[in-house]
Amino acid sequence: MGDSEAILTERSPLYKAGDIARPLLIA
């Protein structure tokens, strides 16, 4: 997956959540 905070942050959808524009269902 990666061993640095920078890589893990870059690949985490949470930090791009503001860009989500299409409908999403989470369970």
mmCIF file of all heavy atoms, coordinates in Angstrom:
data_MODEL
# 
_entry.id   MODEL 
# 
loop_
_atom_site.group_PDB 
_atom_site.id 
_atom_site.type_symbol 
_atom_site.label_atom_id 
_atom_site.label_alt_id 
_atom_site.label_comp_id 
_atom_site.label_asym_id 
_atom_site.label_entity_id 
_atom_site.label_seq_id 
_atom_site.pdbx_PDB_ins_code 
_atom_site.Cartn_x 
_atom_site.Cartn_y 
_atom_site.Cartn_z 
_atom_site.occupancy 
_atom_site.B_iso_or_equiv 
_atom_site.pdbx_formal_charge 
_atom_site.auth_seq_id 
_atom_site.auth_comp_id 
_atom_site.auth_asym_id 
_atom_site.auth_atom_id 
_atom_site.pdbx_PDB_model_num 
ATOM 1   N N   . MET A 1 1  ? 0.804   -1.224 0.000   1.00 0.00 ? 1  MET A N   1 
ATOM 2   C CA  . MET A 1 1  ? 0.000   0.000  0.000   1.00 0.00 ? 1  MET A CA  1 
ATOM 3   C C   . MET A 1 1  ? 0.837   1.274  0.000   1.00 0.00 ? 1  MET A C   1 
ATOM 4   O O   . MET A 1 1  ? 0.442   2.279  -0.589  1.00 0.00 ? 1  MET A O   1 
ATOM 5   C CB  . MET A 1 1  ? -0.928  0.003  1.221   1.00 0.00 ? 1  MET A CB  1 
ATOM 6   C CG  . MET A 1 1  ? -1.951  -1.108 1.217   1.00 0.00 ? 1  MET A CG  1 
ATOM 7   S SD  . MET A 1 1  ? -2.876  -1.226 2.780   1.00 0.00 ? 1  MET A SD  1 
ATOM 8   C CE  . MET A 1 1  ? -3.686  0.361  2.829   1.00 0.00 ? 1  MET A CE  1 
ATOM 9   N N   . GLY A 1 2  ? 1.979   1.246  0.692   1.00 0.00 ? 2  GLY A N   1 
ATOM 10  C CA  . GLY A 1 2  ? 2.795   2.440  0.837   1.00 0.00 ? 2  GLY A CA  1 
ATOM 11  C C   . GLY A 1 2  ? 3.167   2.633  2.292   1.00 0.00 ? 2  GLY A C   1 
ATOM 12  O O   . GLY A 1 2  ? 2.413   2.244  3.194   1.00 0.00 ? 2  GLY A O   1 
ATOM 13  N N   . ASP A 1 3  ? 4.322   3.225  2.520   1.00 0.00 ? 3  ASP A N   1 
ATOM 14  C CA  . ASP A 1 3  ? 4.822   3.326  3.887   1.00 0.00 ? 3  ASP A CA  1 
ATOM 15  C C   . ASP A 1 3  ? 5.006   4.758  4.359   1.00 0.00 ? 3  ASP A C   1 
ATOM 16  O O   . ASP A 1 3  ? 5.612   5.003  5.404   1.00 0.00 ? 3  ASP A O   1 
ATOM 17  C CB  . ASP A 1 3  ? 6.145   2.575  4.016   1.00 0.00 ? 3  ASP A CB  1 
ATOM 18  C CG  . ASP A 1 3  ? 7.205   3.085  3.056   1.00 0.00 ? 3  ASP A CG  1 
ATOM 19  O OD1 . ASP A 1 3  ? 6.919   4.027  2.293   1.00 0.00 ? 3  ASP A OD1 1 
ATOM 20  O OD2 . ASP A 1 3  ? 8.321   2.531  3.060   1.00 0.00 ? 3  ASP A OD2 1 
ATOM 21  N N   . SER A 1 4  ? 4.494   5.713  3.628   1.00 0.00 ? 4  SER A N   1 
ATOM 22  C CA  . SER A 1 4  ? 4.640   7.110  4.059   1.00 0.00 ? 4  SER A CA  1 
ATOM 23  C C   . SER A 1 4  ? 3.269   7.737  4.213   1.00 0.00 ? 4  SER A C   1 
ATOM 24  O O   . SER A 1 4  ? 2.309   7.372  3.523   1.00 0.00 ? 4  SER A O   1 
ATOM 25  C CB  . SER A 1 4  ? 5.457   7.915  3.046   1.00 0.00 ? 4  SER A CB  1 
ATOM 26  O OG  . SER A 1 4  ? 4.705   8.156  1.868   1.00 0.00 ? 4  SER A OG  1 
ATOM 27  N N   . GLU A 1 5  ? 3.194   8.686  5.123   1.00 0.00 ? 5  GLU A N   1 
ATOM 28  C CA  . GLU A 1 5  ? 1.934   9.392  5.341   1.00 0.00 ? 5  GLU A CA  1 
ATOM 29  C C   . GLU A 1 5  ? 1.490   10.108 4.074   1.00 0.00 ? 5  GLU A C   1 
ATOM 30  O O   . GLU A 1 5  ? 0.280   10.184 3.773   1.00 0.00 ? 5  GLU A O   1 
ATOM 31  C CB  . GLU A 1 5  ? 2.097   10.394 6.489   1.00 0.00 ? 5  GLU A CB  1 
ATOM 32  C CG  . GLU A 1 5  ? 0.810   11.127 6.836   1.00 0.00 ? 5  GLU A CG  1 
ATOM 33  C CD  . GLU A 1 5  ? 0.986   12.084 7.997   1.00 0.00 ? 5  GLU A CD  1 
ATOM 34  O OE1 . GLU A 1 5  ? 2.065   12.054 8.630   1.00 0.00 ? 5  GLU A OE1 1 
ATOM 35  O OE2 . GLU A 1 5  ? 0.052   12.861 8.276   1.00 0.00 ? 5  GLU A OE2 1 
ATOM 36  N N   . ALA A 1 6  ? 2.442   10.597 3.308   1.00 0.00 ? 6  ALA A N   1 
ATOM 37  C CA  . ALA A 1 6  ? 2.098   11.328 2.086   1.00 0.00 ? 6  ALA A CA  1 
ATOM 38  C C   . ALA A 1 6  ? 1.389   10.424 1.084   1.00 0.00 ? 6  ALA A C   1 
ATOM 39  O O   . ALA A 1 6  ? 0.377   10.808 0.477   1.00 0.00 ? 6  ALA A O   1 
ATOM 40  C CB  . ALA A 1 6  ? 3.359   11.924 1.468   1.00 0.00 ? 6  ALA A CB  1 
ATOM 41  N N   . ILE A 1 7  ? 1.926   9.199  0.899   1.00 0.00 ? 7  ILE A N   1 
ATOM 42  C CA  . ILE A 1 7  ? 1.300   8.265  -0.051  1.00 0.00 ? 7  ILE A CA  1 
ATOM 43  C C   . ILE A 1 7  ? -0.084  7.860  0.432   1.00 0.00 ? 7  ILE A C   1 
ATOM 44  O O   . ILE A 1 7  ? -1.056  7.870  -0.336  1.00 0.00 ? 7  ILE A O   1 
ATOM 45  C CB  . ILE A 1 7  ? 2.192   7.024  -0.238  1.00 0.00 ? 7  ILE A CB  1 
ATOM 46  C CG1 . ILE A 1 7  ? 3.467   7.390  -0.986  1.00 0.00 ? 7  ILE A CG1 1 
ATOM 47  C CG2 . ILE A 1 7  ? 1.429   5.925  -0.988  1.00 0.00 ? 7  ILE A CG2 1 
ATOM 48  C CD1 . ILE A 1 7  ? 4.433   6.237  -1.136  1.00 0.00 ? 7  ILE A CD1 1 
ATOM 49  N N   . LEU A 1 8  ? -0.193  7.507  1.702   1.00 0.00 ? 8  LEU A N   1 
ATOM 50  C CA  . LEU A 1 8  ? -1.474  7.045  2.231   1.00 0.00 ? 8  LEU A CA  1 
ATOM 51  C C   . LEU A 1 8  ? -2.527  8.153  2.161   1.00 0.00 ? 8  LEU A C   1 
ATOM 52  O O   . LEU A 1 8  ? -3.699  7.895  1.860   1.00 0.00 ? 8  LEU A O   1 
ATOM 53  C CB  . LEU A 1 8  ? -1.301  6.556  3.667   1.00 0.00 ? 8  LEU A CB  1 
ATOM 54  C CG  . LEU A 1 8  ? -0.375  5.343  3.847   1.00 0.00 ? 8  LEU A CG  1 
ATOM 55  C CD1 . LEU A 1 8  ? -0.223  4.999  5.318   1.00 0.00 ? 8  LEU A CD1 1 
ATOM 56  C CD2 . LEU A 1 8  ? -0.891  4.132  3.078   1.00 0.00 ? 8  LEU A CD2 1 
ATOM 57  N N   . THR A 1 9  ? -2.123  9.378  2.423   1.00 0.00 ? 9  THR A N   1 
ATOM 58  C CA  . THR A 1 9  ? -3.063  10.497 2.344   1.00 0.00 ? 9  THR A CA  1 
ATOM 59  C C   . THR A 1 9  ? -3.501  10.736 0.911   1.00 0.00 ? 9  THR A C   1 
ATOM 60  O O   . THR A 1 9  ? -4.696  10.932 0.625   1.00 0.00 ? 9  THR A O   1 
ATOM 61  C CB  . THR A 1 9  ? -2.414  11.770 2.920   1.00 0.00 ? 9  THR A CB  1 
ATOM 62  O OG1 . THR A 1 9  ? -2.102  11.553 4.289   1.00 0.00 ? 9  THR A OG1 1 
ATOM 63  C CG2 . THR A 1 9  ? -3.345  12.967 2.789   1.00 0.00 ? 9  THR A CG2 1 
ATOM 64  N N   . GLU A 1 10 ? -2.533  10.700 -0.004  1.00 0.00 ? 10 GLU A N   1 
ATOM 65  C CA  . GLU A 1 10 ? -2.849  10.936 -1.416  1.00 0.00 ? 10 GLU A CA  1 
ATOM 66  C C   . GLU A 1 10 ? -3.838  9.909  -1.950  1.00 0.00 ? 10 GLU A C   1 
ATOM 67  O O   . GLU A 1 10 ? -4.714  10.236 -2.757  1.00 0.00 ? 10 GLU A O   1 
ATOM 68  C CB  . GLU A 1 10 ? -1.562  10.877 -2.245  1.00 0.00 ? 10 GLU A CB  1 
ATOM 69  C CG  . GLU A 1 10 ? -1.791  11.054 -3.737  1.00 0.00 ? 10 GLU A CG  1 
ATOM 70  C CD  . GLU A 1 10 ? -0.594  10.596 -4.550  1.00 0.00 ? 10 GLU A CD  1 
ATOM 71  O OE1 . GLU A 1 10 ? 0.490   10.393 -3.968  1.00 0.00 ? 10 GLU A OE1 1 
ATOM 72  O OE2 . GLU A 1 10 ? -0.755  10.412 -5.772  1.00 0.00 ? 10 GLU A OE2 1 
ATOM 73  N N   . ARG A 1 11 ? -3.729  8.661  -1.492  1.00 0.00 ? 11 ARG A N   1 
ATOM 74  C CA  . ARG A 1 11 ? -4.585  7.586  -2.020  1.00 0.00 ? 11 ARG A CA  1 
ATOM 75  C C   . ARG A 1 11 ? -5.864  7.390  -1.200  1.00 0.00 ? 11 ARG A C   1 
ATOM 76  O O   . ARG A 1 11 ? -6.592  6.431  -1.417  1.00 0.00 ? 11 ARG A O   1 
ATOM 77  C CB  . ARG A 1 11 ? -3.807  6.269  -2.033  1.00 0.00 ? 11 ARG A CB  1 
ATOM 78  C CG  . ARG A 1 11 ? -2.404  6.360  -2.600  1.00 0.00 ? 11 ARG A CG  1 
ATOM 79  C CD  . ARG A 1 11 ? -2.354  6.703  -4.071  1.00 0.00 ? 11 ARG A CD  1 
ATOM 80  N NE  . ARG A 1 11 ? -0.983  6.982  -4.488  1.00 0.00 ? 11 ARG A NE  1 
ATOM 81  C CZ  . ARG A 1 11 ? -0.066  6.052  -4.747  1.00 0.00 ? 11 ARG A CZ  1 
ATOM 82  N NH1 . ARG A 1 11 ? -0.369  4.789  -4.614  1.00 0.00 ? 11 ARG A NH1 1 
ATOM 83  N NH2 . ARG A 1 11 ? 1.148   6.395  -5.138  1.00 0.00 ? 11 ARG A NH2 1 
ATOM 84  N N   . SER A 1 12 ? -6.119  8.254  -0.244  1.00 0.00 ? 12 SER A N   1 
ATOM 85  C CA  . SER A 1 12 ? -7.298  8.119  0.617   1.00 0.00 ? 12 SER A CA  1 
ATOM 86  C C   . SER A 1 12 ? -8.460  8.934  0.066   1.00 0.00 ? 12 SER A C   1 
ATOM 87  O O   . SER A 1 12 ? -8.373  10.170 -0.019  1.00 0.00 ? 12 SER A O   1 
ATOM 88  C CB  . SER A 1 12 ? -6.975  8.574  2.042   1.00 0.00 ? 12 SER A CB  1 
ATOM 89  O OG  . SER A 1 12 ? -6.009  7.736  2.644   1.00 0.00 ? 12 SER A OG  1 
ATOM 90  N N   . PRO A 1 13 ? -9.566  8.297  -0.283  1.00 0.00 ? 13 PRO A N   1 
ATOM 91  C CA  . PRO A 1 13 ? -10.709 9.036  -0.829  1.00 0.00 ? 13 PRO A CA  1 
ATOM 92  C C   . PRO A 1 13 ? -11.253 10.108 0.105   1.00 0.00 ? 13 PRO A C   1 
ATOM 93  O O   . PRO A 1 13 ? -11.830 11.095 -0.358  1.00 0.00 ? 13 PRO A O   1 
ATOM 94  C CB  . PRO A 1 13 ? -11.747 7.932  -1.058  1.00 0.00 ? 13 PRO A CB  1 
ATOM 95  C CG  . PRO A 1 13 ? -10.950 6.680  -1.242  1.00 0.00 ? 13 PRO A CG  1 
ATOM 96  C CD  . PRO A 1 13 ? -9.773  6.834  -0.332  1.00 0.00 ? 13 PRO A CD  1 
ATOM 97  N N   . LEU A 1 14 ? -11.068 9.933  1.412   1.00 0.00 ? 14 LEU A N   1 
ATOM 98  C CA  . LEU A 1 14 ? -11.595 10.916 2.358   1.00 0.00 ? 14 LEU A CA  1 
ATOM 99  C C   . LEU A 1 14 ? -11.124 12.323 2.022   1.00 0.00 ? 14 LEU A C   1 
ATOM 100 O O   . LEU A 1 14 ? -11.896 13.293 2.146   1.00 0.00 ? 14 LEU A O   1 
ATOM 101 C CB  . LEU A 1 14 ? -11.156 10.545 3.779   1.00 0.00 ? 14 LEU A CB  1 
ATOM 102 C CG  . LEU A 1 14 ? -11.554 11.521 4.884   1.00 0.00 ? 14 LEU A CG  1 
ATOM 103 C CD1 . LEU A 1 14 ? -13.074 11.590 5.024   1.00 0.00 ? 14 LEU A CD1 1 
ATOM 104 C CD2 . LEU A 1 14 ? -10.910 11.130 6.204   1.00 0.00 ? 14 LEU A CD2 1 
ATOM 105 N N   . TYR A 1 15 ? -9.865  12.444 1.605   1.00 0.00 ? 15 TYR A N   1 
ATOM 106 C CA  . TYR A 1 15 ? -9.304  13.770 1.363   1.00 0.00 ? 15 TYR A CA  1 
ATOM 107 C C   . TYR A 1 15 ? -9.734  14.366 0.025   1.00 0.00 ? 15 TYR A C   1 
ATOM 108 O O   . TYR A 1 15 ? -9.418  15.523 -0.262  1.00 0.00 ? 15 TYR A O   1 
ATOM 109 C CB  . TYR A 1 15 ? -7.779  13.704 1.469   1.00 0.00 ? 15 TYR A CB  1 
ATOM 110 C CG  . TYR A 1 15 ? -7.335  13.304 2.854   1.00 0.00 ? 15 TYR A CG  1 
ATOM 111 C CD1 . TYR A 1 15 ? -6.871  12.020 3.115   1.00 0.00 ? 15 TYR A CD1 1 
ATOM 112 C CD2 . TYR A 1 15 ? -7.432  14.192 3.917   1.00 0.00 ? 15 TYR A CD2 1 
ATOM 113 C CE1 . TYR A 1 15 ? -6.484  11.635 4.389   1.00 0.00 ? 15 TYR A CE1 1 
ATOM 114 C CE2 . TYR A 1 15 ? -7.055  13.824 5.205   1.00 0.00 ? 15 TYR A CE2 1 
ATOM 115 C CZ  . TYR A 1 15 ? -6.582  12.539 5.429   1.00 0.00 ? 15 TYR A CZ  1 
ATOM 116 O OH  . TYR A 1 15 ? -6.224  12.166 6.697   1.00 0.00 ? 15 TYR A OH  1 
ATOM 117 N N   . LYS A 1 16 ? -10.458 13.593 -0.766  1.00 0.00 ? 16 LYS A N   1 
ATOM 118 C CA  . LYS A 1 16 ? -11.043 14.095 -2.008  1.00 0.00 ? 16 LYS A CA  1 
ATOM 119 C C   . LYS A 1 16 ? -12.562 13.992 -1.961  1.00 0.00 ? 16 LYS A C   1 
ATOM 120 O O   . LYS A 1 16 ? -13.230 14.056 -3.002  1.00 0.00 ? 16 LYS A O   1 
ATOM 121 C CB  . LYS A 1 16 ? -10.498 13.304 -3.205  1.00 0.00 ? 16 LYS A CB  1 
ATOM 122 C CG  . LYS A 1 16 ? -9.030  13.568 -3.510  1.00 0.00 ? 16 LYS A CG  1 
ATOM 123 C CD  . LYS A 1 16 ? -8.826  14.948 -4.119  1.00 0.00 ? 16 LYS A CD  1 
ATOM 124 C CE  . LYS A 1 16 ? -7.379  15.149 -4.556  1.00 0.00 ? 16 LYS A CE  1 
ATOM 125 N NZ  . LYS A 1 16 ? -7.176  16.486 -5.174  1.00 0.00 ? 16 LYS A NZ  1 
ATOM 126 N N   . ALA A 1 17 ? -13.110 13.816 -0.763  1.00 0.00 ? 17 ALA A N   1 
ATOM 127 C CA  . ALA A 1 17 ? -14.558 13.645 -0.640  1.00 0.00 ? 17 ALA A CA  1 
ATOM 128 C C   . ALA A 1 17 ? -15.321 14.834 -1.204  1.00 0.00 ? 17 ALA A C   1 
ATOM 129 O O   . ALA A 1 17 ? -16.432 14.685 -1.731  1.00 0.00 ? 17 ALA A O   1 
ATOM 130 C CB  . ALA A 1 17 ? -14.935 13.422 0.820   1.00 0.00 ? 17 ALA A CB  1 
ATOM 131 N N   . GLY A 1 18 ? -14.732 15.996 -1.123  1.00 0.00 ? 18 GLY A N   1 
ATOM 132 C CA  . GLY A 1 18 ? -15.398 17.182 -1.647  1.00 0.00 ? 18 GLY A CA  1 
ATOM 133 C C   . GLY A 1 18 ? -15.595 17.161 -3.148  1.00 0.00 ? 18 GLY A C   1 
ATOM 134 O O   . GLY A 1 18 ? -16.399 17.931 -3.682  1.00 0.00 ? 18 GLY A O   1 
ATOM 135 N N   . ASP A 1 19 ? -14.864 16.281 -3.857  1.00 0.00 ? 19 ASP A N   1 
ATOM 136 C CA  . ASP A 1 19 ? -14.993 16.203 -5.314  1.00 0.00 ? 19 ASP A CA  1 
ATOM 137 C C   . ASP A 1 19 ? -16.072 15.223 -5.762  1.00 0.00 ? 19 ASP A C   1 
ATOM 138 O O   . ASP A 1 19 ? -16.370 15.133 -6.961  1.00 0.00 ? 19 ASP A O   1 
ATOM 139 C CB  . ASP A 1 19 ? -13.656 15.777 -5.930  1.00 0.00 ? 19 ASP A CB  1 
ATOM 140 C CG  . ASP A 1 19 ? -12.571 16.828 -5.757  1.00 0.00 ? 19 ASP A CG  1 
ATOM 141 O OD1 . ASP A 1 19 ? -12.929 18.010 -5.529  1.00 0.00 ? 19 ASP A OD1 1 
ATOM 142 O OD2 . ASP A 1 19 ? -11.380 16.480 -5.838  1.00 0.00 ? 19 ASP A OD2 1 
ATOM 143 N N   . ILE A 1 20 ? -16.620 14.452 -4.825  1.00 0.00 ? 20 ILE A N   1 
ATOM 144 C CA  . ILE A 1 20 ? -17.634 13.458 -5.206  1.00 0.00 ? 20 ILE A CA  1 
ATOM 145 C C   . ILE A 1 20 ? -18.886 14.175 -5.678  1.00 0.00 ? 20 ILE A C   1 
ATOM 146 O O   . ILE A 1 20 ? -19.449 15.021 -4.973  1.00 0.00 ? 20 ILE A O   1 
ATOM 147 C CB  . ILE A 1 20 ? -17.950 12.517 -4.032  1.00 0.00 ? 20 ILE A CB  1 
ATOM 148 C CG1 . ILE A 1 20 ? -16.705 11.706 -3.656  1.00 0.00 ? 20 ILE A CG1 1 
ATOM 149 C CG2 . ILE A 1 20 ? -19.115 11.588 -4.383  1.00 0.00 ? 20 ILE A CG2 1 
ATOM 150 C CD1 . ILE A 1 20 ? -16.885 10.808 -2.450  1.00 0.00 ? 20 ILE A CD1 1 
ATOM 151 N N   . ALA A 1 21 ? -19.319 13.826 -6.876  1.00 0.00 ? 21 ALA A N   1 
ATOM 152 C CA  . ALA A 1 21 ? -20.482 14.485 -7.466  1.00 0.00 ? 21 ALA A CA  1 
ATOM 153 C C   . ALA A 1 21 ? -21.605 13.513 -7.807  1.00 0.00 ? 21 ALA A C   1 
ATOM 154 O O   . ALA A 1 21 ? -22.729 13.947 -8.085  1.00 0.00 ? 21 ALA A O   1 
ATOM 155 C CB  . ALA A 1 21 ? -20.060 15.234 -8.737  1.00 0.00 ? 21 ALA A CB  1 
ATOM 156 N N   . ARG A 1 22 ? -21.304 12.220 -7.821  1.00 0.00 ? 22 ARG A N   1 
ATOM 157 C CA  . ARG A 1 22 ? -22.302 11.227 -8.215  1.00 0.00 ? 22 ARG A CA  1 
ATOM 158 C C   . ARG A 1 22 ? -22.873 10.523 -6.977  1.00 0.00 ? 22 ARG A C   1 
ATOM 159 O O   . ARG A 1 22 ? -22.201 10.419 -5.941  1.00 0.00 ? 22 ARG A O   1 
ATOM 160 C CB  . ARG A 1 22 ? -21.679 10.217 -9.169  1.00 0.00 ? 22 ARG A CB  1 
ATOM 161 C CG  . ARG A 1 22 ? -21.147 10.853 -10.467 1.00 0.00 ? 22 ARG A CG  1 
ATOM 162 C CD  . ARG A 1 22 ? -22.279 11.444 -11.308 1.00 0.00 ? 22 ARG A CD  1 
ATOM 163 N NE  . ARG A 1 22 ? -21.830 12.319 -12.368 1.00 0.00 ? 22 ARG A NE  1 
ATOM 164 C CZ  . ARG A 1 22 ? -21.410 11.901 -13.578 1.00 0.00 ? 22 ARG A CZ  1 
ATOM 165 N NH1 . ARG A 1 22 ? -21.321 10.614 -13.836 1.00 0.00 ? 22 ARG A NH1 1 
ATOM 166 N NH2 . ARG A 1 22 ? -21.071 12.777 -14.491 1.00 0.00 ? 22 ARG A NH2 1 
ATOM 167 N N   . PRO A 1 23 ? -24.094 10.025 -7.062  1.00 0.00 ? 23 PRO A N   1 
ATOM 168 C CA  . PRO A 1 23 ? -24.751 9.410  -5.899  1.00 0.00 ? 23 PRO A CA  1 
ATOM 169 C C   . PRO A 1 23 ? -23.966 8.218  -5.357  1.00 0.00 ? 23 PRO A C   1 
ATOM 170 O O   . PRO A 1 23 ? -23.403 7.421  -6.114  1.00 0.00 ? 23 PRO A O   1 
ATOM 171 C CB  . PRO A 1 23 ? -26.110 8.969  -6.452  1.00 0.00 ? 23 PRO A CB  1 
ATOM 172 C CG  . PRO A 1 23 ? -26.346 9.858  -7.629  1.00 0.00 ? 23 PRO A CG  1 
ATOM 173 C CD  . PRO A 1 23 ? -24.993 10.091 -8.238  1.00 0.00 ? 23 PRO A CD  1 
ATOM 174 N N   . LEU A 1 24 ? -23.954 8.095  -4.029  1.00 0.00 ? 24 LEU A N   1 
ATOM 175 C CA  . LEU A 1 24 ? -23.187 7.059  -3.354  1.00 0.00 ? 24 LEU A CA  1 
ATOM 176 C C   . LEU A 1 24 ? -24.030 6.436  -2.247  1.00 0.00 ? 24 LEU A C   1 
ATOM 177 O O   . LEU A 1 24 ? -24.679 7.141  -1.474  1.00 0.00 ? 24 LEU A O   1 
ATOM 178 C CB  . LEU A 1 24 ? -21.918 7.680  -2.749  1.00 0.00 ? 24 LEU A CB  1 
ATOM 179 C CG  . LEU A 1 24 ? -21.056 6.812  -1.832  1.00 0.00 ? 24 LEU A CG  1 
ATOM 180 C CD1 . LEU A 1 24 ? -20.498 5.606  -2.582  1.00 0.00 ? 24 LEU A CD1 1 
ATOM 181 C CD2 . LEU A 1 24 ? -19.912 7.651  -1.239  1.00 0.00 ? 24 LEU A CD2 1 
ATOM 182 N N   . LEU A 1 25 ? -24.026 5.112  -2.190  1.00 0.00 ? 25 LEU A N   1 
ATOM 183 C CA  . LEU A 1 25 ? -24.651 4.356  -1.103  1.00 0.00 ? 25 LEU A CA  1 
ATOM 184 C C   . LEU A 1 25 ? -23.547 3.638  -0.335  1.00 0.00 ? 25 LEU A C   1 
ATOM 185 O O   . LEU A 1 25 ? -22.723 2.942  -0.930  1.00 0.00 ? 25 LEU A O   1 
ATOM 186 C CB  . LEU A 1 25 ? -25.650 3.331  -1.655  1.00 0.00 ? 25 LEU A CB  1 
ATOM 187 C CG  . LEU A 1 25 ? -26.246 2.340  -0.647  1.00 0.00 ? 25 LEU A CG  1 
ATOM 188 C CD1 . LEU A 1 25 ? -27.075 3.056  0.402   1.00 0.00 ? 25 LEU A CD1 1 
ATOM 189 C CD2 . LEU A 1 25 ? -27.086 1.282  -1.368  1.00 0.00 ? 25 LEU A CD2 1 
ATOM 190 N N   . ILE A 1 26 ? -23.512 3.817  0.989   1.00 0.00 ? 26 ILE A N   1 
ATOM 191 C CA  . ILE A 1 26 ? -22.511 3.188  1.850   1.00 0.00 ? 26 ILE A CA  1 
ATOM 192 C C   . ILE A 1 26 ? -23.215 2.285  2.850   1.00 0.00 ? 26 ILE A C   1 
ATOM 193 O O   . ILE A 1 26 ? -24.223 2.673  3.452   1.00 0.00 ? 26 ILE A O   1 
ATOM 194 C CB  . ILE A 1 26 ? -21.670 4.252  2.589   1.00 0.00 ? 26 ILE A CB  1 
ATOM 195 C CG1 . ILE A 1 26 ? -20.815 5.046  1.589   1.00 0.00 ? 26 ILE A CG1 1 
ATOM 196 C CG2 . ILE A 1 26 ? -20.785 3.610  3.645   1.00 0.00 ? 26 ILE A CG2 1 
ATOM 197 C CD1 . ILE A 1 26 ? -20.010 6.168  2.225   1.00 0.00 ? 26 ILE A CD1 1 
ATOM 198 N N   . ALA A 1 27 ? -22.675 1.070  3.027   1.00 0.00 ? 27 ALA A N   1 
ATOM 199 C CA  . ALA A 1 27 ? -23.188 0.146  4.035   1.00 0.00 ? 27 ALA A CA  1 
ATOM 200 C C   . ALA A 1 27 ? -22.029 -0.328 4.895   1.00 0.00 ? 27 ALA A C   1 
ATOM 201 O O   . ALA A 1 27 ? -20.949 -0.640 4.385   1.00 0.00 ? 27 ALA A O   1 
ATOM 202 C CB  . ALA A 1 27 ? -23.884 -1.041 3.372   1.00 0.00 ? 27 ALA A CB  1 
# 
